[in-house]
Protein backbone atom coordinates (compact mmCIF):
# COMPACT_ATOMS: atom_id res chain seq x y z
CA MET A 1 228.37 24.79 92.06
CA TYR A 2 229.27 24.11 95.69
CA ARG A 3 230.23 27.10 97.82
CA ARG A 4 231.45 27.21 101.37
CA LEU A 5 232.53 29.76 103.92
CA GLY A 6 236.02 29.34 105.37
CA HIS A 7 237.39 31.80 107.93
CA ILE A 8 235.29 34.57 109.43
CA ALA A 9 237.56 37.28 110.88
CA VAL A 10 236.75 38.82 114.26
CA VAL A 11 238.89 41.75 115.43
CA VAL A 12 240.05 41.34 119.04
CA GLU A 13 242.08 43.52 121.41
CA ASP A 14 244.08 40.67 122.95
CA TYR A 15 244.70 37.22 121.49
CA ASP A 16 245.01 35.39 124.80
CA GLU A 17 241.86 36.93 126.28
CA ALA A 18 239.94 36.13 123.10
CA ILE A 19 241.17 32.52 123.14
CA LYS A 20 240.10 32.17 126.77
CA PHE A 21 236.64 33.52 125.93
CA TYR A 22 236.03 31.30 122.91
CA VAL A 23 237.60 28.14 124.35
CA ASN A 24 236.61 28.36 128.03
CA LYS A 25 233.27 30.21 127.87
CA LEU A 26 231.88 29.18 124.46
CA ASP A 27 233.48 25.71 124.44
CA PHE A 28 235.15 26.20 121.04
CA ILE A 29 238.24 24.29 119.94
CA LEU A 30 241.56 26.08 119.39
CA ILE A 31 242.61 24.88 115.94
CA GLU A 32 245.72 26.96 115.37
CA ASP A 33 247.84 29.55 117.17
CA THR A 34 250.87 30.46 115.09
CA TYR A 35 253.27 33.34 115.87
CA LEU A 36 253.72 35.59 112.80
CA GLY A 37 255.96 38.31 114.20
CA ILE A 38 255.75 41.20 116.60
CA ASP A 39 252.15 41.48 117.89
CA LYS A 40 250.77 39.22 115.14
CA ARG A 41 249.46 35.67 115.37
CA TRP A 42 247.29 33.42 113.22
CA VAL A 43 244.65 32.24 115.71
CA VAL A 44 241.79 30.03 114.51
CA VAL A 45 238.95 28.66 116.64
CA ALA A 46 235.80 26.73 115.79
CA PRO A 47 232.76 25.32 117.52
CA LYS A 48 233.07 21.64 118.40
CA GLY A 49 231.83 19.58 115.49
CA ALA A 50 232.23 22.34 112.89
CA LYS A 51 233.08 20.89 109.48
CA GLU A 52 234.01 23.96 107.45
CA SER A 53 233.60 27.42 108.96
CA THR A 54 236.08 28.76 111.52
CA ILE A 55 236.74 32.07 113.24
CA LEU A 56 240.04 33.85 112.68
CA LEU A 57 240.86 36.00 115.72
CA ALA A 58 242.59 39.06 114.27
CA LYS A 59 244.29 41.91 116.09
CA ALA A 60 244.14 45.34 114.45
CA SER A 61 247.40 46.87 113.23
CA GLY A 62 246.44 50.31 114.50
CA PRO A 63 243.65 52.20 116.23
CA SER A 64 241.57 52.74 113.08
């Protein structure tokens, strides 16, 4: 049986700052940035050359 890992979620305080960090500092590729409603976006980044695994940048709904 073949298994693979898809998205790994990382909780961030600010989408734009997180995108800047991953894309500009770590040289990742921005794969998707889709607006989902007030304060919610679907933001996916991945290292250059990644075939399967990606990082989903997620913003918490509340303080906890």
